[in-house]
Amino acid sequence: MSATEETIKDIIVKIVHCDREVLTPTSTFEDMKADSLDMVQVLVALEDEFDIEIPDEDAQKFQNFGDFAAYVEARVAEKGNA
């Protein structure tokens, strides 16, 4: 597991107050008991933490934690190569 993924988990656990064990690649936001406000807060925190932008139309495509983590990692990697 990457450091980026660990940071994403830390942020989600802090905002959503779910158990870290709930966060598997196939966990849905429903599994995490996250509502839409939680997810907005998570997105804002991740944008600040990694200095990236996550457009709403991209955020709506995430089906589970794996999609979400892969997207953030790709954006961070892109930024590093920019």
PDB file of N, CA and C in Angstrom:
ATOM      1  N   MET A   1       0.850  -1.191   0.000  1.00  0.00           N
ATOM      2  CA  MET A   1       0.000   0.000   0.000  1.00  0.00           C
ATOM      3  C   MET A   1       0.889   1.245   0.000  1.00  0.00           C
ATOM      4  N   SER A   2       0.542   2.200  -0.823  1.00  0.00           N
ATOM      5  CA  SER A   2       1.366   3.394  -0.973  1.00  0.00           C
ATOM      6  C   SER A   2       1.137   4.391   0.160  1.00  0.00           C
ATOM      7  N   ALA A   3       2.087   5.301   0.299  1.00  0.00           N
ATOM      8  CA  ALA A   3       1.964   6.365   1.299  1.00  0.00           C
ATOM      9  C   ALA A   3       0.763   7.244   0.981  1.00  0.00           C
ATOM     10  N   THR A   4       0.509   7.452  -0.315  1.00  0.00           N
ATOM     11  CA  THR A   4      -0.648   8.255  -0.721  1.00  0.00           C
ATOM     12  C   THR A   4      -1.932   7.596  -0.252  1.00  0.00           C
ATOM     13  N   GLU A   5      -2.030   6.282  -0.456  1.00  0.00           N
ATOM     14  CA  GLU A   5      -3.232   5.563  -0.036  1.00  0.00           C
ATOM     15  C   GLU A   5      -3.404   5.620   1.490  1.00  0.00           C
ATOM     16  N   GLU A   6      -2.301   5.530   2.215  1.00  0.00           N
ATOM     17  CA  GLU A   6      -2.354   5.630   3.685  1.00  0.00           C
ATOM     18  C   GLU A   6      -2.901   7.000   4.108  1.00  0.00           C
ATOM     19  N   THR A   7      -2.426   8.049   3.442  1.00  0.00           N
ATOM     20  CA  THR A   7      -2.881   9.403   3.757  1.00  0.00           C
ATOM     21  C   THR A   7      -4.366   9.555   3.448  1.00  0.00           C
ATOM     22  N   ILE A   8      -4.809   8.997   2.325  1.00  0.00           N
ATOM     23  CA  ILE A   8      -6.225   9.050   1.963  1.00  0.00           C
ATOM     24  C   ILE A   8      -7.050   8.366   3.055  1.00  0.00           C
ATOM     25  N   LYS A   9      -6.592   7.202   3.497  1.00  0.00           N
ATOM     26  CA  LYS A   9      -7.307   6.483   4.564  1.00  0.00           C
ATOM     27  C   LYS A   9      -7.365   7.318   5.832  1.00  0.00           C
ATOM     28  N   ASP A  10      -6.244   7.936   6.211  1.00  0.00           N
ATOM     29  CA  ASP A  10      -6.215   8.773   7.419  1.00  0.00           C
ATOM     30  C   ASP A  10      -7.267   9.872   7.336  1.00  0.00           C
ATOM     31  N   ILE A  11      -7.340  10.525   6.191  1.00  0.00           N
ATOM     32  CA  ILE A  11      -8.288  11.624   6.006  1.00  0.00           C
ATOM     33  C   ILE A  11      -9.729  11.113   6.086  1.00  0.00           C
ATOM     34  N   ILE A  12     -10.020  10.007   5.402  1.00  0.00           N
ATOM     35  CA  ILE A  12     -11.383   9.462   5.430  1.00  0.00           C
ATOM     36  C   ILE A  12     -11.780   9.050   6.844  1.00  0.00           C
ATOM     37  N   VAL A  13     -10.885   8.363   7.562  1.00  0.00           N
ATOM     38  CA  VAL A  13     -11.186   7.918   8.925  1.00  0.00           C
ATOM     39  C   VAL A  13     -11.477   9.123   9.817  1.00  0.00           C
ATOM     40  N   LYS A  14     -10.672  10.180   9.663  1.00  0.00           N
ATOM     41  CA  LYS A  14     -10.842  11.378  10.496  1.00  0.00           C
ATOM     42  C   LYS A  14     -12.172  12.074  10.225  1.00  0.00           C
ATOM     43  N   ILE A  15     -12.564  12.175   8.972  1.00  0.00           N
ATOM     44  CA  ILE A  15     -13.782  12.909   8.613  1.00  0.00           C
ATOM     45  C   ILE A  15     -15.040  12.059   8.772  1.00  0.00           C
ATOM     46  N   VAL A  16     -14.979  10.813   8.299  1.00  0.00           N
ATOM     47  CA  VAL A  16     -16.174   9.961   8.283  1.00  0.00           C
ATOM     48  C   VAL A  16     -16.366   9.220   9.608  1.00  0.00           C
ATOM     49  N   HIS A  17     -15.288   9.110  10.381  1.00  0.00           N
ATOM     50  CA  HIS A  17     -15.321   8.370  11.661  1.00  0.00           C
ATOM     51  C   HIS A  17     -15.674   6.905  11.451  1.00  0.00           C
ATOM     52  N   CYS A  18     -15.087   6.302  10.422  1.00  0.00           N
ATOM     53  CA  CYS A  18     -15.296   4.872  10.188  1.00  0.00           C
ATOM     54  C   CYS A  18     -14.033   4.137  10.632  1.00  0.00           C
ATOM     55  N   ASP A  19     -14.146   2.834  10.774  1.00  0.00           N
ATOM     56  CA  ASP A  19     -12.979   2.031  11.124  1.00  0.00           C
ATOM     57  C   ASP A  19     -12.080   1.903   9.908  1.00  0.00           C
ATOM     58  N   ARG A  20     -10.787   1.942  10.145  1.00  0.00           N
ATOM     59  CA  ARG A  20      -9.812   1.816   9.061  1.00  0.00           C
ATOM     60  C   ARG A  20      -9.992   0.499   8.299  1.00  0.00           C
ATOM     61  N   GLU A  21     -10.393  -0.557   9.020  1.00  0.00           N
ATOM     62  CA  GLU A  21     -10.562  -1.884   8.411  1.00  0.00           C
ATOM     63  C   GLU A  21     -11.669  -1.887   7.350  1.00  0.00           C
ATOM     64  N   VAL A  22     -12.581  -0.932   7.435  1.00  0.00           N
ATOM     65  CA  VAL A  22     -13.685  -0.839   6.466  1.00  0.00           C
ATOM     66  C   VAL A  22     -13.155  -0.422   5.094  1.00  0.00           C
ATOM     67  N   LEU A  23     -12.020   0.237   5.066  1.00  0.00           N
ATOM     68  CA  LEU A  23     -11.488   0.798   3.827  1.00  0.00           C
ATOM     69  C   LEU A  23     -10.683  -0.234   3.040  1.00  0.00           C
ATOM     70  N   THR A  24     -11.380  -0.989   2.222  1.00  0.00           N
ATOM     71  CA  THR A  24     -10.743  -1.946   1.321  1.00  0.00           C
ATOM     72  C   THR A  24     -10.965  -1.432  -0.104  1.00  0.00           C
ATOM     73  N   PRO A  25     -10.255  -1.962  -1.079  1.00  0.00           N
ATOM     74  CA  PRO A  25     -10.439  -1.467  -2.450  1.00  0.00           C
ATOM     75  C   PRO A  25     -11.882  -1.543  -2.950  1.00  0.00           C
ATOM     76  N   THR A  26     -12.662  -2.477  -2.420  1.00  0.00           N
ATOM     77  CA  THR A  26     -14.040  -2.622  -2.896  1.00  0.00           C
ATOM     78  C   THR A  26     -15.071  -1.933  -1.996  1.00  0.00           C
ATOM     79  N   SER A  27     -14.626  -1.261  -0.932  1.00  0.00           N
ATOM     80  CA  SER A  27     -15.560  -0.561  -0.041  1.00  0.00           C
ATOM     81  C   SER A  27     -16.264   0.562  -0.783  1.00  0.00           C
ATOM     82  N   THR A  28     -17.575   0.603  -0.651  1.00  0.00           N
ATOM     83  CA  THR A  28     -18.320   1.727  -1.219  1.00  0.00           C
ATOM     84  C   THR A  28     -18.442   2.802  -0.146  1.00  0.00           C
ATOM     85  N   PHE A  29     -18.862   3.984  -0.551  1.00  0.00           N
ATOM     86  CA  PHE A  29     -19.032   5.057   0.433  1.00  0.00           C
ATOM     87  C   PHE A  29     -20.184   4.704   1.370  1.00  0.00           C
ATOM     88  N   GLU A  30     -21.102   3.888   0.879  1.00  0.00           N
ATOM     89  CA  GLU A  30     -22.186   3.385   1.722  1.00  0.00           C
ATOM     90  C   GLU A  30     -21.628   2.484   2.823  1.00  0.00           C
ATOM     91  N   ASP A  31     -20.667   1.618   2.463  1.00  0.00           N
ATOM     92  CA  ASP A  31     -20.015   0.748   3.454  1.00  0.00           C
ATOM     93  C   ASP A  31     -19.346   1.572   4.546  1.00  0.00           C
ATOM     94  N   MET A  32     -18.815   2.712   4.151  1.00  0.00           N
ATOM     95  CA  MET A  32     -18.128   3.595   5.114  1.00  0.00           C
ATOM     96  C   MET A  32     -19.117   4.417   5.936  1.00  0.00           C
ATOM     97  N   LYS A  33     -20.387   4.342   5.575  1.00  0.00           N
ATOM     98  CA  LYS A  33     -21.439   5.152   6.207  1.00  0.00           C
ATOM     99  C   LYS A  33     -21.185   6.640   5.977  1.00  0.00           C
ATOM    100  N   ALA A  34     -20.655   6.968   4.792  1.00  0.00           N
ATOM    101  CA  ALA A  34     -20.350   8.356   4.460  1.00  0.00           C
ATOM    102  C   ALA A  34     -21.518   8.972   3.694  1.00  0.00           C
ATOM    103  N   ASP A  35     -21.924  10.161   4.120  1.00  0.00           N
ATOM    104  CA  ASP A  35     -22.973  10.854   3.367  1.00  0.00           C
ATOM    105  C   ASP A  35     -22.312  11.851   2.407  1.00  0.00           C
ATOM    106  N   SER A  36     -23.128  12.550   1.654  1.00  0.00           N
ATOM    107  CA  SER A  36     -22.566  13.437   0.627  1.00  0.00           C
ATOM    108  C   SER A  36     -21.739  14.573   1.246  1.00  0.00           C
ATOM    109  N   LEU A  37     -22.126  15.069   2.405  1.00  0.00           N
ATOM    110  CA  LEU A  37     -21.354  16.124   3.057  1.00  0.00           C
ATOM    111  C   LEU A  37     -19.984  15.588   3.479  1.00  0.00           C
ATOM    112  N   ASP A  38     -19.960  14.367   4.016  1.00  0.00           N
ATOM    113  CA  ASP A  38     -18.676  13.739   4.369  1.00  0.00           C
ATOM    114  C   ASP A  38     -17.771  13.681   3.148  1.00  0.00           C
ATOM    115  N   MET A  39     -18.342  13.271   2.023  1.00  0.00           N
ATOM    116  CA  MET A  39     -17.530  13.103   0.823  1.00  0.00           C
ATOM    117  C   MET A  39     -16.999  14.434   0.315  1.00  0.00           C
ATOM    118  N   VAL A  40     -17.808  15.485   0.419  1.00  0.00           N
ATOM    119  CA  VAL A  40     -17.331  16.822   0.016  1.00  0.00           C
ATOM    120  C   VAL A  40     -16.158  17.217   0.909  1.00  0.00           C
ATOM    121  N   GLN A  41     -16.285  16.975   2.214  1.00  0.00           N
ATOM    122  CA  GLN A  41     -15.201  17.317   3.143  1.00  0.00           C
ATOM    123  C   GLN A  41     -13.941  16.504   2.836  1.00  0.00           C
ATOM    124  N   VAL A  42     -14.117  15.231   2.496  1.00  0.00           N
ATOM    125  CA  VAL A  42     -12.971  14.383   2.148  1.00  0.00           C
ATOM    126  C   VAL A  42     -12.299  14.913   0.881  1.00  0.00           C
ATOM    127  N   LEU A  43     -13.093  15.254  -0.125  1.00  0.00           N
ATOM    128  CA  LEU A  43     -12.532  15.770  -1.379  1.00  0.00           C
ATOM    129  C   LEU A  43     -11.744  17.057  -1.139  1.00  0.00           C
ATOM    130  N   VAL A  44     -12.309  17.966  -0.355  1.00  0.00           N
ATOM    131  CA  VAL A  44     -11.632  19.236  -0.072  1.00  0.00           C
ATOM    132  C   VAL A  44     -10.327  18.973   0.686  1.00  0.00           C
ATOM    133  N   ALA A  45     -10.377  18.084   1.665  1.00  0.00           N
ATOM    134  CA  ALA A  45      -9.177  17.759   2.444  1.00  0.00           C
ATOM    135  C   ALA A  45      -8.092  17.150   1.557  1.00  0.00           C
ATOM    136  N   LEU A  46      -8.502  16.263   0.641  1.00  0.00           N
ATOM    137  CA  LEU A  46      -7.530  15.645  -0.260  1.00  0.00           C
ATOM    138  C   LEU A  46      -6.952  16.657  -1.243  1.00  0.00           C
ATOM    139  N   GLU A  47      -7.792  17.548  -1.739  1.00  0.00           N
ATOM    140  CA  GLU A  47      -7.302  18.589  -2.648  1.00  0.00           C
ATOM    141  C   GLU A  47      -6.256  19.453  -1.941  1.00  0.00           C
ATOM    142  N   ASP A  48      -6.535  19.794  -0.681  1.00  0.00           N
ATOM    143  CA  ASP A  48      -5.590  20.607   0.094  1.00  0.00           C
ATOM    144  C   ASP A  48      -4.312  19.828   0.394  1.00  0.00           C
ATOM    145  N   GLU A  49      -4.480  18.589   0.843  1.00  0.00           N
ATOM    146  CA  GLU A  49      -3.341  17.757   1.238  1.00  0.00           C
ATOM    147  C   GLU A  49      -2.369  17.524   0.083  1.00  0.00           C
ATOM    148  N   PHE A  50      -2.916  17.203  -1.091  1.00  0.00           N
ATOM    149  CA  PHE A  50      -2.074  16.830  -2.230  1.00  0.00           C
ATOM    150  C   PHE A  50      -1.919  17.936  -3.271  1.00  0.00           C
ATOM    151  N   ASP A  51      -2.582  19.078  -3.024  1.00  0.00           N
ATOM    152  CA  ASP A  51      -2.525  20.200  -3.956  1.00  0.00           C
ATOM    153  C   ASP A  51      -2.950  19.764  -5.364  1.00  0.00           C
ATOM    154  N   ILE A  52      -4.106  19.097  -5.417  1.00  0.00           N
ATOM    155  CA  ILE A  52      -4.685  18.661  -6.691  1.00  0.00           C
ATOM    156  C   ILE A  52      -6.117  19.172  -6.752  1.00  0.00           C
ATOM    157  N   GLU A  53      -6.714  19.043  -7.921  1.00  0.00           N
ATOM    158  CA  GLU A  53      -8.119  19.408  -8.071  1.00  0.00           C
ATOM    159  C   GLU A  53      -8.886  18.157  -8.493  1.00  0.00           C
ATOM    160  N   ILE A  54     -10.032  17.918  -7.850  1.00  0.00           N
ATOM    161  CA  ILE A  54     -10.865  16.766  -8.192  1.00  0.00           C
ATOM    162  C   ILE A  54     -12.206  17.317  -8.680  1.00  0.00           C
ATOM    163  N   PRO A  55     -12.387  17.415 -10.001  1.00  0.00           N
ATOM    164  CA  PRO A  55     -13.640  17.960 -10.531  1.00  0.00           C
ATOM    165  C   PRO A  55     -14.845  17.108 -10.113  1.00  0.00           C
ATOM    166  N   ASP A  56     -15.980  17.760  -9.916  1.00  0.00           N
ATOM    167  CA  ASP A  56     -17.198  17.057  -9.502  1.00  0.00           C
ATOM    168  C   ASP A  56     -17.548  15.911 -10.440  1.00  0.00           C
ATOM    169  N   GLU A  57     -17.374  16.145 -11.757  1.00  0.00           N
ATOM    170  CA  GLU A  57     -17.764  15.085 -12.696  1.00  0.00           C
ATOM    171  C   GLU A  57     -16.879  13.844 -12.530  1.00  0.00           C
ATOM    172  N   ASP A  58     -15.630  14.030 -12.101  1.00  0.00           N
ATOM    173  CA  ASP A  58     -14.766  12.876 -11.813  1.00  0.00           C
ATOM    174  C   ASP A  58     -15.186  12.225 -10.500  1.00  0.00           C
ATOM    175  N   ALA A  59     -15.445  13.040  -9.496  1.00  0.00           N
ATOM    176  CA  ALA A  59     -15.816  12.517  -8.177  1.00  0.00           C
ATOM    177  C   ALA A  59     -17.077  11.660  -8.245  1.00  0.00           C
ATOM    178  N   GLN A  60     -17.988  12.000  -9.130  1.00  0.00           N
ATOM    179  CA  GLN A  60     -19.245  11.245  -9.234  1.00  0.00           C
ATOM    180  C   GLN A  60     -19.043   9.857  -9.828  1.00  0.00           C
ATOM    181  N   LYS A  61     -17.892   9.617 -10.452  1.00  0.00           N
ATOM    182  CA  LYS A  61     -17.633   8.325 -11.098  1.00  0.00           C
ATOM    183  C   LYS A  61     -17.090   7.276 -10.130  1.00  0.00           C
ATOM    184  N   PHE A  62     -16.633   7.695  -8.960  1.00  0.00           N
ATOM    185  CA  PHE A  62     -16.023   6.742  -8.035  1.00  0.00           C
ATOM    186  C   PHE A  62     -17.068   5.758  -7.531  1.00  0.00           C
ATOM    187  N   GLN A  63     -16.783   4.464  -7.724  1.00  0.00           N
ATOM    188  CA  GLN A  63     -17.699   3.419  -7.261  1.00  0.00           C
ATOM    189  C   GLN A  63     -17.295   2.898  -5.880  1.00  0.00           C
ATOM    190  N   ASN A  64     -15.994   2.974  -5.574  1.00  0.00           N
ATOM    191  CA  ASN A  64     -15.513   2.400  -4.316  1.00  0.00           C
ATOM    192  C   ASN A  64     -14.187   3.051  -3.921  1.00  0.00           C
ATOM    193  N   PHE A  65     -13.665   2.630  -2.794  1.00  0.00           N
ATOM    194  CA  PHE A  65     -12.424   3.217  -2.284  1.00  0.00           C
ATOM    195  C   PHE A  65     -11.258   2.998  -3.253  1.00  0.00           C
ATOM    196  N   GLY A  66     -11.221   1.836  -3.892  1.00  0.00           N
ATOM    197  CA  GLY A  66     -10.146   1.547  -4.843  1.00  0.00           C
ATOM    198  C   GLY A  66     -10.110   2.541  -5.990  1.00  0.00           C
ATOM    199  N   ASP A  67     -11.284   2.844  -6.563  1.00  0.00           N
ATOM    200  CA  ASP A  67     -11.378   3.836  -7.652  1.00  0.00           C
ATOM    201  C   ASP A  67     -10.864   5.189  -7.173  1.00  0.00           C
ATOM    202  N   PHE A  68     -11.309   5.540  -5.995  1.00  0.00           N
ATOM    203  CA  PHE A  68     -10.997   6.831  -5.397  1.00  0.00           C
ATOM    204  C   PHE A  68      -9.492   6.963  -5.174  1.00  0.00           C
ATOM    205  N   ALA A  69      -8.901   5.949  -4.538  1.00  0.00           N
ATOM    206  CA  ALA A  69      -7.463   5.969  -4.239  1.00  0.00           C
ATOM    207  C   ALA A  69      -6.641   5.983  -5.535  1.00  0.00           C
ATOM    208  N   ALA A  70      -7.042   5.175  -6.510  1.00  0.00           N
ATOM    209  CA  ALA A  70      -6.308   5.117  -7.777  1.00  0.00           C
ATOM    210  C   ALA A  70      -6.352   6.470  -8.486  1.00  0.00           C
ATOM    211  N   TYR A  71      -7.507   7.114  -8.449  1.00  0.00           N
ATOM    212  CA  TYR A  71      -7.652   8.423  -9.085  1.00  0.00           C
ATOM    213  C   TYR A  71      -6.722   9.444  -8.424  1.00  0.00           C
ATOM    214  N   VAL A  72      -6.758   9.502  -7.087  1.00  0.00           N
ATOM    215  CA  VAL A  72      -5.926  10.482  -6.373  1.00  0.00           C
ATOM    216  C   VAL A  72      -4.447  10.199  -6.635  1.00  0.00           C
ATOM    217  N   GLU A  73      -4.063   8.924  -6.594  1.00  0.00           N
ATOM    218  CA  GLU A  73      -2.660   8.575  -6.849  1.00  0.00           C
ATOM    219  C   GLU A  73      -2.240   8.994  -8.263  1.00  0.00           C
ATOM    220  N   ALA A  74      -3.117   8.790  -9.238  1.00  0.00           N
ATOM    221  CA  ALA A  74      -2.806   9.193 -10.622  1.00  0.00           C
ATOM    222  C   ALA A  74      -2.648  10.699 -10.721  1.00  0.00           C
ATOM    223  N   ARG A  75      -3.515  11.442 -10.065  1.00  0.00           N
ATOM    224  CA  ARG A  75      -3.421  12.906 -10.098  1.00  0.00           C
ATOM    225  C   ARG A  75      -2.138  13.396  -9.422  1.00  0.00           C
ATOM    226  N   VAL A  76      -1.790  12.778  -8.310  1.00  0.00           N
ATOM    227  CA  VAL A  76      -0.558  13.148  -7.601  1.00  0.00           C
ATOM    228  C   VAL A  76       0.665  12.841  -8.488  1.00  0.00           C
ATOM    229  N   ALA A  77       0.640  11.689  -9.151  1.00  0.00           N
ATOM    230  CA  ALA A  77       1.735  11.299 -10.037  1.00  0.00           C
ATOM    231  C   ALA A  77       1.865  12.281 -11.209  1.00  0.00           C
ATOM    232  N   GLU A  78       0.720  12.656 -11.784  1.00  0.00           N
ATOM    233  CA  GLU A  78       0.699  13.625 -12.893  1.00  0.00           C
ATOM    234  C   GLU A  78       1.346  14.938 -12.451  1.00  0.00           C
ATOM    235  N   LYS A  79       0.962  15.360 -11.266  1.00  0.00           N
ATOM    236  CA  LYS A  79       1.460  16.622 -10.734  1.00  0.00           C
ATOM    237  C   LYS A  79       2.973  16.547 -10.552  1.00  0.00           C
ATOM    238  N   GLY A  80       3.441  15.387 -10.091  1.00  0.00           N
ATOM    239  CA  GLY A  80       4.872  15.200  -9.885  1.00  0.00           C
ATOM    240  C   GLY A  80       5.662  15.230 -11.187  1.00  0.00           C
ATOM    241  N   ASN A  81       5.006  14.840 -12.279  1.00  0.00           N
ATOM    242  CA  ASN A  81       5.680  14.814 -13.576  1.00  0.00           C
ATOM    243  C   ASN A  81       5.481  16.101 -14.382  1.00  0.00           C
ATOM    244  N   ALA A  82       4.671  16.975 -13.838  1.00  0.00           N
ATOM    245  CA  ALA A  82       4.328  18.201 -14.591  1.00  0.00           C
ATOM    246  C   ALA A  82       5.494  19.174 -14.639  1.00  0.00           C
TER     247      ALA A  82
END
